[in-house]
Amino acid sequence: MTTVGLALVREVAVAAHAPRLLFVHWPFGHALGEPGRVEQHRTVLRDMLSLARRAPRPGLVVDLPYRWRRESYPPITDWTSDGAAFEAALARALEAATPPVE
């Protein structure tokens, strides 16, 4: 079964060598977001499902770009599509993890 972890401390996430991790730079106790912000919570959950579906290899850590209390989260109408922020974050993670060609 594919698993995805959600980390609030990037260094711990990397050291844990978990199969797939999303990192959000948010306060402890708020891994899915601010209390009562349902669309924010759903966005992070959709990103977790997207990573479970799209991660090409174990050990990948994807840094989500969301800023605490400064983002707008539109309603999710299609849970099978990836969000633009996730797509960009995944591309950055894959680029950073790929060794340069010599």
N, C-alpha and C. Protein backbone atom coordinates (compact mmCIF):
# COMPACT_ATOMS: atom_id res chain seq x y z
N MET A 1 0.84 -1.17 0.00
CA MET A 1 0.00 0.00 0.00
C MET A 1 0.89 1.23 0.00
N THR A 2 0.58 2.17 -0.86
CA THR A 2 1.32 3.41 -0.95
C THR A 2 0.98 4.31 0.23
N THR A 3 2.01 4.91 0.82
CA THR A 3 1.80 5.83 1.93
C THR A 3 2.43 7.17 1.63
N VAL A 4 1.87 8.21 2.20
CA VAL A 4 2.41 9.56 2.10
C VAL A 4 2.37 10.17 3.49
N GLY A 5 3.50 10.71 3.92
CA GLY A 5 3.55 11.39 5.21
C GLY A 5 3.46 12.89 5.02
N LEU A 6 3.03 13.56 6.07
CA LEU A 6 2.94 15.01 6.06
C LEU A 6 3.85 15.51 7.16
N ALA A 7 4.87 16.27 6.81
CA ALA A 7 5.89 16.71 7.76
C ALA A 7 5.84 18.20 8.01
N LEU A 8 6.09 18.59 9.25
CA LEU A 8 6.16 20.00 9.61
C LEU A 8 7.60 20.46 9.87
N VAL A 9 8.53 19.51 9.96
CA VAL A 9 9.95 19.83 10.12
C VAL A 9 10.69 19.10 9.00
N ARG A 10 11.22 19.86 8.05
CA ARG A 10 11.83 19.25 6.86
C ARG A 10 13.03 18.37 7.22
N GLU A 11 13.88 18.81 8.12
CA GLU A 11 15.07 18.04 8.47
C GLU A 11 14.71 16.68 9.03
N VAL A 12 13.68 16.63 9.85
CA VAL A 12 13.23 15.36 10.42
C VAL A 12 12.64 14.49 9.32
N ALA A 13 11.92 15.10 8.40
CA ALA A 13 11.32 14.35 7.29
C ALA A 13 12.40 13.69 6.45
N VAL A 14 13.44 14.42 6.14
CA VAL A 14 14.53 13.87 5.33
C VAL A 14 15.26 12.77 6.09
N ALA A 15 15.53 13.00 7.37
CA ALA A 15 16.25 12.02 8.18
C ALA A 15 15.43 10.73 8.38
N ALA A 16 14.12 10.84 8.33
CA ALA A 16 13.26 9.67 8.56
C ALA A 16 13.28 8.68 7.41
N HIS A 17 13.69 9.13 6.23
CA HIS A 17 13.73 8.27 5.04
C HIS A 17 12.38 7.59 4.77
N ALA A 18 11.33 8.35 4.96
CA ALA A 18 9.99 7.81 4.69
C ALA A 18 9.80 7.67 3.18
N PRO A 19 8.90 6.81 2.76
CA PRO A 19 8.72 6.57 1.32
C PRO A 19 8.37 7.82 0.51
N ARG A 20 7.41 8.58 0.95
CA ARG A 20 6.99 9.79 0.26
C ARG A 20 6.52 10.79 1.30
N LEU A 21 6.99 12.03 1.19
CA LEU A 21 6.63 13.04 2.18
C LEU A 21 6.28 14.37 1.53
N LEU A 22 5.26 14.99 2.06
CA LEU A 22 4.95 16.38 1.76
C LEU A 22 5.40 17.20 2.96
N PHE A 23 6.04 18.32 2.69
CA PHE A 23 6.47 19.21 3.76
C PHE A 23 5.68 20.51 3.65
N VAL A 24 5.07 20.93 4.76
CA VAL A 24 4.42 22.23 4.84
C VAL A 24 5.06 23.01 5.97
N HIS A 25 5.40 24.24 5.72
CA HIS A 25 6.05 25.09 6.73
C HIS A 25 4.96 25.81 7.52
N TRP A 26 4.29 25.04 8.37
CA TRP A 26 3.19 25.55 9.18
C TRP A 26 3.45 25.21 10.64
N PRO A 27 2.73 25.86 11.56
CA PRO A 27 2.94 25.61 13.00
C PRO A 27 2.58 24.18 13.40
N PHE A 28 3.25 23.70 14.45
CA PHE A 28 2.93 22.37 15.00
C PHE A 28 1.45 22.29 15.35
N GLY A 29 0.89 21.13 15.11
CA GLY A 29 -0.51 20.91 15.41
C GLY A 29 -1.45 21.33 14.30
N HIS A 30 -0.91 21.86 13.22
CA HIS A 30 -1.75 22.35 12.13
C HIS A 30 -1.30 21.78 10.79
N ALA A 31 -1.05 20.50 10.72
CA ALA A 31 -0.51 19.88 9.51
C ALA A 31 -1.44 20.06 8.30
N LEU A 32 -2.73 20.06 8.52
CA LEU A 32 -3.66 20.24 7.40
C LEU A 32 -4.06 21.69 7.22
N GLY A 33 -3.68 22.56 8.13
CA GLY A 33 -3.99 23.97 7.97
C GLY A 33 -4.67 24.58 9.17
N GLU A 34 -5.19 25.76 8.93
CA GLU A 34 -5.83 26.54 9.99
C GLU A 34 -7.17 25.95 10.40
N PRO A 35 -7.53 26.06 11.66
CA PRO A 35 -8.83 25.55 12.12
C PRO A 35 -9.98 26.20 11.33
N GLY A 36 -10.91 25.36 10.89
CA GLY A 36 -12.09 25.85 10.20
C GLY A 36 -11.91 26.18 8.73
N ARG A 37 -10.69 26.07 8.19
CA ARG A 37 -10.44 26.38 6.78
C ARG A 37 -10.56 25.08 5.96
N VAL A 38 -11.77 24.67 5.70
CA VAL A 38 -12.06 23.38 5.08
C VAL A 38 -11.40 23.25 3.70
N GLU A 39 -11.46 24.29 2.88
CA GLU A 39 -10.85 24.21 1.55
C GLU A 39 -9.33 24.08 1.63
N GLN A 40 -8.73 24.67 2.64
CA GLN A 40 -7.29 24.53 2.86
C GLN A 40 -6.98 23.08 3.21
N HIS A 41 -7.76 22.50 4.10
CA HIS A 41 -7.55 21.10 4.51
C HIS A 41 -7.71 20.18 3.30
N ARG A 42 -8.74 20.42 2.51
CA ARG A 42 -8.99 19.58 1.34
C ARG A 42 -7.87 19.70 0.31
N THR A 43 -7.31 20.90 0.18
CA THR A 43 -6.21 21.09 -0.77
C THR A 43 -5.00 20.24 -0.37
N VAL A 44 -4.66 20.24 0.91
CA VAL A 44 -3.52 19.45 1.38
C VAL A 44 -3.82 17.95 1.21
N LEU A 45 -5.03 17.54 1.52
CA LEU A 45 -5.40 16.13 1.33
C LEU A 45 -5.32 15.73 -0.14
N ARG A 46 -5.79 16.60 -1.04
CA ARG A 46 -5.68 16.30 -2.47
C ARG A 46 -4.22 16.19 -2.89
N ASP A 47 -3.36 17.07 -2.35
CA ASP A 47 -1.94 17.01 -2.68
C ASP A 47 -1.33 15.70 -2.19
N MET A 48 -1.77 15.22 -1.03
CA MET A 48 -1.27 13.94 -0.52
C MET A 48 -1.69 12.79 -1.44
N LEU A 49 -2.93 12.81 -1.88
CA LEU A 49 -3.40 11.77 -2.81
C LEU A 49 -2.66 11.86 -4.14
N SER A 50 -2.39 13.06 -4.59
CA SER A 50 -1.64 13.25 -5.84
C SER A 50 -0.24 12.69 -5.73
N LEU A 51 0.42 12.94 -4.59
CA LEU A 51 1.77 12.41 -4.40
C LEU A 51 1.75 10.89 -4.35
N ALA A 52 0.75 10.32 -3.70
CA ALA A 52 0.65 8.85 -3.65
C ALA A 52 0.52 8.28 -5.06
N ARG A 53 -0.19 8.98 -5.91
CA ARG A 53 -0.41 8.51 -7.27
C ARG A 53 0.77 8.79 -8.19
N ARG A 54 1.49 9.89 -7.98
CA ARG A 54 2.47 10.34 -8.97
C ARG A 54 3.94 10.20 -8.58
N ALA A 55 4.24 9.92 -7.33
CA ALA A 55 5.66 9.84 -6.93
C ALA A 55 6.36 8.74 -7.72
N PRO A 56 7.41 9.08 -8.43
CA PRO A 56 8.08 8.10 -9.28
C PRO A 56 8.99 7.14 -8.53
N ARG A 57 9.33 7.49 -7.27
CA ARG A 57 10.24 6.63 -6.51
C ARG A 57 10.10 6.94 -5.03
N PRO A 58 10.49 6.00 -4.18
CA PRO A 58 10.46 6.25 -2.73
C PRO A 58 11.51 7.28 -2.33
N GLY A 59 11.30 7.88 -1.18
CA GLY A 59 12.27 8.82 -0.63
C GLY A 59 12.09 10.25 -1.08
N LEU A 60 11.06 10.52 -1.84
CA LEU A 60 10.84 11.87 -2.36
C LEU A 60 10.21 12.76 -1.30
N VAL A 61 10.76 13.97 -1.14
CA VAL A 61 10.20 14.97 -0.24
C VAL A 61 9.79 16.17 -1.09
N VAL A 62 8.51 16.50 -1.05
CA VAL A 62 7.99 17.61 -1.84
C VAL A 62 7.60 18.73 -0.89
N ASP A 63 8.17 19.91 -1.12
CA ASP A 63 7.89 21.09 -0.30
C ASP A 63 6.70 21.82 -0.90
N LEU A 64 5.58 21.81 -0.19
CA LEU A 64 4.41 22.54 -0.66
C LEU A 64 4.64 24.04 -0.44
N PRO A 65 4.23 24.87 -1.38
CA PRO A 65 4.54 26.31 -1.30
C PRO A 65 3.56 27.15 -0.50
N TYR A 66 2.58 26.53 0.12
CA TYR A 66 1.53 27.30 0.79
C TYR A 66 2.08 28.07 1.98
N ARG A 67 1.62 29.31 2.10
CA ARG A 67 2.05 30.18 3.20
C ARG A 67 0.95 30.22 4.25
N TRP A 68 1.35 30.18 5.50
CA TRP A 68 0.41 30.19 6.61
C TRP A 68 -0.37 31.51 6.61
N ARG A 69 -1.68 31.41 6.58
CA ARG A 69 -2.63 32.52 6.66
C ARG A 69 -2.51 33.54 5.54
N ARG A 70 -1.91 33.18 4.42
CA ARG A 70 -1.79 34.15 3.33
C ARG A 70 -2.14 33.54 1.98
N GLU A 71 -2.98 32.54 1.98
CA GLU A 71 -3.34 31.86 0.74
C GLU A 71 -4.85 31.80 0.59
N SER A 72 -5.28 31.72 -0.64
CA SER A 72 -6.68 31.50 -0.95
C SER A 72 -6.79 30.11 -1.56
N TYR A 73 -7.77 29.33 -1.13
CA TYR A 73 -7.92 27.95 -1.59
C TYR A 73 -9.29 27.79 -2.22
N PRO A 74 -9.33 27.66 -3.55
CA PRO A 74 -10.63 27.48 -4.21
C PRO A 74 -11.20 26.10 -3.91
N PRO A 75 -12.51 25.96 -4.02
CA PRO A 75 -13.12 24.64 -3.82
C PRO A 75 -12.58 23.63 -4.83
N ILE A 76 -12.45 22.40 -4.40
CA ILE A 76 -11.96 21.34 -5.29
C ILE A 76 -13.18 20.70 -5.94
N THR A 77 -13.20 20.75 -7.26
CA THR A 77 -14.32 20.16 -7.99
C THR A 77 -13.95 18.82 -8.60
N ASP A 78 -12.65 18.58 -8.78
CA ASP A 78 -12.19 17.33 -9.38
C ASP A 78 -11.03 16.77 -8.56
N TRP A 79 -11.31 15.73 -7.80
CA TRP A 79 -10.28 15.13 -6.94
C TRP A 79 -9.28 14.29 -7.73
N THR A 80 -9.51 14.05 -9.00
CA THR A 80 -8.59 13.24 -9.79
C THR A 80 -7.52 14.09 -10.48
N SER A 81 -7.68 15.41 -10.45
CA SER A 81 -6.68 16.27 -11.07
C SER A 81 -5.76 16.85 -10.00
N ASP A 82 -4.54 17.15 -10.40
CA ASP A 82 -3.57 17.73 -9.47
C ASP A 82 -3.69 19.25 -9.48
N GLY A 83 -3.45 19.85 -8.33
CA GLY A 83 -3.45 21.31 -8.24
C GLY A 83 -2.18 21.88 -8.85
N ALA A 84 -2.25 23.11 -9.32
CA ALA A 84 -1.10 23.76 -9.95
C ALA A 84 0.07 23.90 -8.98
N ALA A 85 -0.21 24.25 -7.73
CA ALA A 85 0.86 24.40 -6.74
C ALA A 85 1.57 23.07 -6.50
N PHE A 86 0.81 21.98 -6.44
CA PHE A 86 1.42 20.66 -6.26
C PHE A 86 2.26 20.29 -7.47
N GLU A 87 1.73 20.53 -8.67
CA GLU A 87 2.48 20.20 -9.90
C GLU A 87 3.84 20.89 -9.90
N ALA A 88 3.85 22.18 -9.57
CA ALA A 88 5.10 22.94 -9.55
C ALA A 88 6.03 22.43 -8.46
N ALA A 89 5.49 22.11 -7.29
CA ALA A 89 6.32 21.62 -6.19
C ALA A 89 6.93 20.26 -6.52
N LEU A 90 6.15 19.39 -7.15
CA LEU A 90 6.66 18.08 -7.55
C LEU A 90 7.77 18.24 -8.58
N ALA A 91 7.58 19.11 -9.55
CA ALA A 91 8.62 19.34 -10.56
C ALA A 91 9.91 19.84 -9.91
N ARG A 92 9.80 20.76 -8.94
CA ARG A 92 11.01 21.26 -8.25
C ARG A 92 11.69 20.13 -7.47
N ALA A 93 10.91 19.30 -6.81
CA ALA A 93 11.49 18.19 -6.03
C ALA A 93 12.20 17.20 -6.94
N LEU A 94 11.61 16.89 -8.07
CA LEU A 94 12.22 15.95 -9.00
C LEU A 94 13.49 16.52 -9.61
N GLU A 95 13.46 17.81 -9.91
CA GLU A 95 14.65 18.47 -10.47
C GLU A 95 15.79 18.49 -9.46
N ALA A 96 15.47 18.77 -8.21
CA ALA A 96 16.49 18.84 -7.16
C ALA A 96 17.06 17.47 -6.86
N ALA A 97 16.26 16.42 -7.03
CA ALA A 97 16.70 15.07 -6.72
C ALA A 97 17.45 14.41 -7.86
N THR A 98 17.39 15.01 -9.03
CA THR A 98 18.06 14.43 -10.19
C THR A 98 19.50 14.91 -10.25
N PRO A 99 20.47 13.99 -10.24
CA PRO A 99 21.86 14.42 -10.32
C PRO A 99 22.15 15.06 -11.68
N PRO A 100 22.99 16.07 -11.71
CA PRO A 100 23.32 16.72 -12.99
C PRO A 100 24.05 15.77 -13.93
N VAL A 101 23.78 15.93 -15.21
CA VAL A 101 24.44 15.10 -16.22
C VAL A 101 25.80 15.69 -16.51
N GLU A 102 26.83 14.85 -16.49
CA GLU A 102 28.20 15.35 -16.73
C GLU A 102 28.65 15.04 -18.12
